[in-house]
N, C-alpha and C. Protein backbone atom coordinates (compact mmCIF):
# COMPACT_ATOMS: atom_id res chain seq x y z
N MET A 1 10.11 -20.23 -9.38
CA MET A 1 11.52 -19.28 -8.77
C MET A 1 10.70 -19.09 -7.62
N SER A 2 10.94 -18.98 -6.55
CA SER A 2 9.71 -18.94 -4.94
C SER A 2 9.60 -16.78 -5.60
N VAL A 3 8.98 -16.57 -5.07
CA VAL A 3 8.97 -14.78 -3.92
C VAL A 3 9.09 -14.48 -2.48
N THR A 4 10.28 -14.04 -2.57
CA THR A 4 9.93 -13.89 -0.58
C THR A 4 8.81 -13.06 -0.48
N ALA A 5 8.74 -13.18 0.96
CA ALA A 5 7.59 -12.44 1.89
C ALA A 5 8.13 -10.82 1.47
N GLU A 6 9.08 -10.60 2.05
CA GLU A 6 10.15 -9.33 1.87
C GLU A 6 9.46 -8.07 0.35
N GLU A 7 10.48 -9.91 -0.15
CA GLU A 7 9.86 -8.84 -2.53
C GLU A 7 7.57 -8.17 -2.10
N VAL A 8 7.45 -9.57 -1.51
CA VAL A 8 5.79 -9.14 -1.29
C VAL A 8 5.65 -7.44 -0.93
N ARG A 9 6.41 -7.77 -0.01
CA ARG A 9 6.04 -6.17 0.85
C ARG A 9 6.70 -4.85 0.52
N ARG A 10 7.69 -5.10 -0.24
CA ARG A 10 8.43 -4.09 -0.68
C ARG A 10 7.99 -3.52 -2.93
N ARG A 11 6.90 -4.44 -3.11
CA ARG A 11 6.01 -4.25 -4.45
C ARG A 11 4.49 -4.16 -3.95
N LEU A 12 4.20 -5.03 -2.94
CA LEU A 12 2.43 -4.38 -2.31
C LEU A 12 2.84 -2.58 -1.69
N GLY A 13 3.68 -2.41 -0.72
CA GLY A 13 3.90 -0.99 -0.69
C GLY A 13 4.50 0.02 -2.17
N ALA A 14 5.20 -0.56 -3.32
CA ALA A 14 5.23 0.19 -4.39
C ALA A 14 3.65 0.58 -4.69
N VAL A 15 3.37 -0.14 -4.94
CA VAL A 15 1.98 -0.23 -5.72
C VAL A 15 1.19 0.75 -3.98
N LEU A 16 0.78 1.05 -3.77
CA LEU A 16 0.05 1.77 -2.71
C LEU A 16 1.06 3.54 -3.29
N ARG A 17 1.93 3.10 -2.82
CA ARG A 17 2.81 4.56 -3.22
C ARG A 17 2.94 4.81 -4.84
N ARG A 18 2.39 4.55 -5.24
CA ARG A 18 2.69 4.54 -7.21
C ARG A 18 0.92 5.30 -6.85
N HIS A 19 0.39 4.66 -6.21
CA HIS A 19 -1.53 5.02 -6.46
C HIS A 19 -1.56 6.72 -5.71
N ARG A 20 -0.55 6.19 -4.84
CA ARG A 20 -0.73 7.78 -4.24
C ARG A 20 -0.04 9.08 -4.65
N GLU A 21 1.23 8.35 -4.64
CA GLU A 21 1.66 9.25 -5.78
C GLU A 21 1.34 10.37 -6.96
N GLU A 22 -0.03 8.84 -7.66
CA GLU A 22 -0.30 9.26 -9.35
C GLU A 22 -0.95 10.12 -8.44
N GLN A 23 -1.89 10.55 -7.61
CA GLN A 23 -2.85 10.99 -7.73
C GLN A 23 -2.62 13.17 -6.85
N GLY A 24 -0.74 12.82 -6.37
CA GLY A 24 -0.28 13.84 -5.42
C GLY A 24 -1.31 13.99 -4.27
N ARG A 25 -1.11 12.54 -3.57
CA ARG A 25 -1.83 13.47 -2.33
C ARG A 25 0.17 13.09 -1.57
N ARG A 26 -0.78 13.77 -0.01
CA ARG A 26 0.20 13.46 0.83
C ARG A 26 -0.11 11.77 2.02
N LEU A 27 1.47 11.69 2.52
CA LEU A 27 1.82 10.94 3.47
C LEU A 27 0.27 10.78 4.46
N SER A 28 0.09 11.84 5.24
CA SER A 28 -0.87 12.06 6.18
C SER A 28 -1.94 12.27 5.68
N ASP A 29 -2.09 12.33 4.51
CA ASP A 29 -3.96 13.29 3.98
C ASP A 29 -4.17 10.99 3.78
N ILE A 30 -3.58 10.06 3.23
CA ILE A 30 -4.02 9.12 2.91
C ILE A 30 -4.06 8.49 4.15
N ALA A 31 -2.94 8.46 5.44
CA ALA A 31 -3.09 8.21 7.03
C ALA A 31 -4.27 8.88 7.34
N ALA A 32 -4.27 9.61 7.74
CA ALA A 32 -5.55 9.74 8.85
C ALA A 32 -6.81 9.32 7.97
N GLU A 33 -6.94 9.51 6.49
CA GLU A 33 -9.03 8.37 6.28
C GLU A 33 -8.33 6.88 6.34
N ALA A 34 -7.24 7.23 6.47
CA ALA A 34 -7.11 5.50 6.71
C ALA A 34 -7.04 4.27 8.31
N GLY A 35 -6.79 5.52 9.03
CA GLY A 35 -6.96 5.22 9.92
C GLY A 35 -5.52 4.29 11.09
N CYS A 36 -4.02 5.19 10.10
CA CYS A 36 -2.95 5.05 10.95
C CYS A 36 -1.96 6.58 10.90
N SER A 37 -1.32 6.40 11.28
CA SER A 37 -0.28 7.06 11.26
C SER A 37 0.75 7.70 9.82
N PRO A 38 1.15 9.30 9.60
CA PRO A 38 1.50 8.97 8.09
C PRO A 38 2.96 8.25 8.46
N ALA A 39 3.22 7.94 9.89
CA ALA A 39 5.04 6.72 9.32
C ALA A 39 5.40 5.78 9.23
N TYR A 40 3.72 4.98 10.01
CA TYR A 40 3.33 3.92 9.46
C TYR A 40 2.38 3.46 8.04
N LEU A 41 2.22 4.42 7.80
CA LEU A 41 1.94 4.34 6.14
C LEU A 41 2.96 4.21 5.15
N SER A 42 4.53 5.63 5.57
CA SER A 42 5.97 5.40 4.72
C SER A 42 6.71 3.74 4.55
N GLU A 43 6.69 3.22 6.00
CA GLU A 43 7.54 2.01 5.88
C GLU A 43 6.57 1.56 5.16
N VAL A 44 4.78 1.26 5.93
CA VAL A 44 4.16 -0.23 4.70
C VAL A 44 5.00 0.11 2.67
N GLU A 45 4.78 1.62 3.03
CA GLU A 45 5.20 2.62 1.74
C GLU A 45 6.61 1.22 0.19
N ARG A 46 7.81 1.20 1.80
CA ARG A 46 9.20 1.13 1.89
C ARG A 46 8.94 -0.31 2.08
N GLY A 47 8.28 -0.84 2.09
CA GLY A 47 8.47 -2.76 2.27
C GLY A 47 8.84 -2.83 3.47
N ILE A 48 8.31 -1.62 4.91
CA ILE A 48 9.49 -1.67 6.01
C ILE A 48 8.12 -3.04 6.50
N LYS A 49 7.08 -2.40 6.92
CA LYS A 49 6.17 -2.62 7.89
C LYS A 49 5.57 -3.90 7.24
N ASP A 50 4.75 -4.69 7.32
CA ASP A 50 4.33 -5.86 7.25
C ASP A 50 2.70 -4.89 7.25
N VAL A 51 1.34 -4.88 6.75
CA VAL A 51 -0.20 -4.32 7.03
C VAL A 51 -1.04 -5.49 7.28
N SER A 52 -2.08 -5.36 7.73
CA SER A 52 -2.87 -6.97 7.40
C SER A 52 -3.81 -6.12 6.88
N SER A 53 -4.61 -7.34 6.74
CA SER A 53 -5.50 -7.06 5.77
C SER A 53 -6.93 -6.24 6.10
N GLU A 54 -7.42 -5.70 6.67
CA GLU A 54 -8.15 -4.58 7.00
C GLU A 54 -7.46 -3.23 7.15
N LEU A 55 -6.33 -2.86 7.65
CA LEU A 55 -5.47 -1.47 7.18
C LEU A 55 -5.22 -1.83 5.49
N LEU A 56 -4.82 -2.72 5.01
CA LEU A 56 -4.60 -2.71 3.54
C LEU A 56 -5.77 -2.02 2.62
N VAL A 57 -7.37 -2.73 3.91
CA VAL A 57 -8.35 -2.55 2.50
C VAL A 57 -8.67 -0.89 2.65
N ALA A 58 -8.55 -0.81 4.16
CA ALA A 58 -8.32 1.26 4.23
C ALA A 58 -7.81 1.64 3.47
N ILE A 59 -6.93 1.93 3.60
CA ILE A 59 -5.66 2.49 3.03
C ILE A 59 -5.78 1.69 1.02
N ALA A 60 -6.29 0.59 0.45
CA ALA A 60 -7.02 1.31 -0.70
C ALA A 60 -8.34 2.55 -1.42
N TYR A 61 -9.03 1.67 0.49
CA TYR A 61 -10.58 3.11 -0.06
C TYR A 61 -9.48 4.21 0.30
N ALA A 62 -8.71 5.00 0.89
CA ALA A 62 -8.80 5.47 0.63
C ALA A 62 -8.42 6.67 0.37
N LEU A 63 -7.95 5.30 -1.07
CA LEU A 63 -6.73 6.04 -2.19
C LEU A 63 -7.96 5.86 -3.32
N SER A 64 -9.14 5.48 -3.18
CA SER A 64 -9.72 5.22 -3.86
C SER A 64 -9.93 4.25 -5.31
N VAL A 65 -8.54 3.28 -4.70
CA VAL A 65 -8.88 2.39 -5.75
C VAL A 65 -9.68 0.56 -4.41
N SER A 66 -9.93 -0.34 -5.74
CA SER A 66 -10.54 -1.40 -5.04
C SER A 66 -9.34 -2.10 -4.09
N PRO A 67 -9.60 -2.63 -3.85
CA PRO A 67 -8.64 -4.07 -2.72
C PRO A 67 -8.16 -5.30 -3.68
N GLY A 68 -9.53 -5.18 -5.26
CA GLY A 68 -8.63 -5.91 -6.12
C GLY A 68 -8.15 -5.94 -6.94
N ARG A 69 -8.03 -4.18 -6.95
CA ARG A 69 -7.01 -4.05 -7.94
C ARG A 69 -6.08 -4.03 -7.71
N VAL A 70 -6.00 -3.38 -5.70
CA VAL A 70 -4.49 -3.15 -5.72
C VAL A 70 -3.67 -4.93 -5.50
N PHE A 71 -4.68 -6.72 -5.62
CA PHE A 71 -4.28 -6.64 -5.75
C PHE A 71 -3.23 -8.17 -6.84
N ALA A 72 -4.59 -7.44 -7.39
CA ALA A 72 -4.38 -7.67 -9.31
C ALA A 72 -2.65 -6.80 -9.86
N GLN A 73 -2.80 -5.79 -9.10
CA GLN A 73 -1.34 -4.97 -9.90
C GLN A 73 -0.52 -5.53 -8.21
N LEU A 74 0.00 -5.88 -7.71
CA LEU A 74 0.36 -6.77 -6.96
C LEU A 74 0.92 -7.96 -7.45
N ALA A 75 0.23 -9.27 -8.30
CA ALA A 75 0.52 -9.44 -8.65
C ALA A 75 0.83 -10.08 -10.09
N GLU A 76 0.19 -8.05 -10.89
CA GLU A 76 1.45 -8.47 -12.32
C GLU A 76 2.68 -7.72 -11.49
N THR A 77 3.51 -7.45 -10.88
CA THR A 77 4.49 -7.60 -10.39
C THR A 77 5.22 -8.66 -10.01
N LEU A 78 4.60 -9.47 -8.83
CA LEU A 78 5.58 -11.36 -8.56
C LEU A 78 5.96 -11.74 -10.61
């Protein structure tokens, strides 16, 4: 079964959102640390926007999660 790019975006966003919500942190806090706007981060979390590898790494570190862990969790959902 093939997975679409849209599905990958949606599931990656869900992984990021889960980490943020488990930490009880706000979009604006993570976005400020990662160097993007809260609106953009919200769109990434909802799977609407693609995220560059550089920004994904910055978001992961802002969440105190290794990029490898983010990718591993994404892989588990695919």
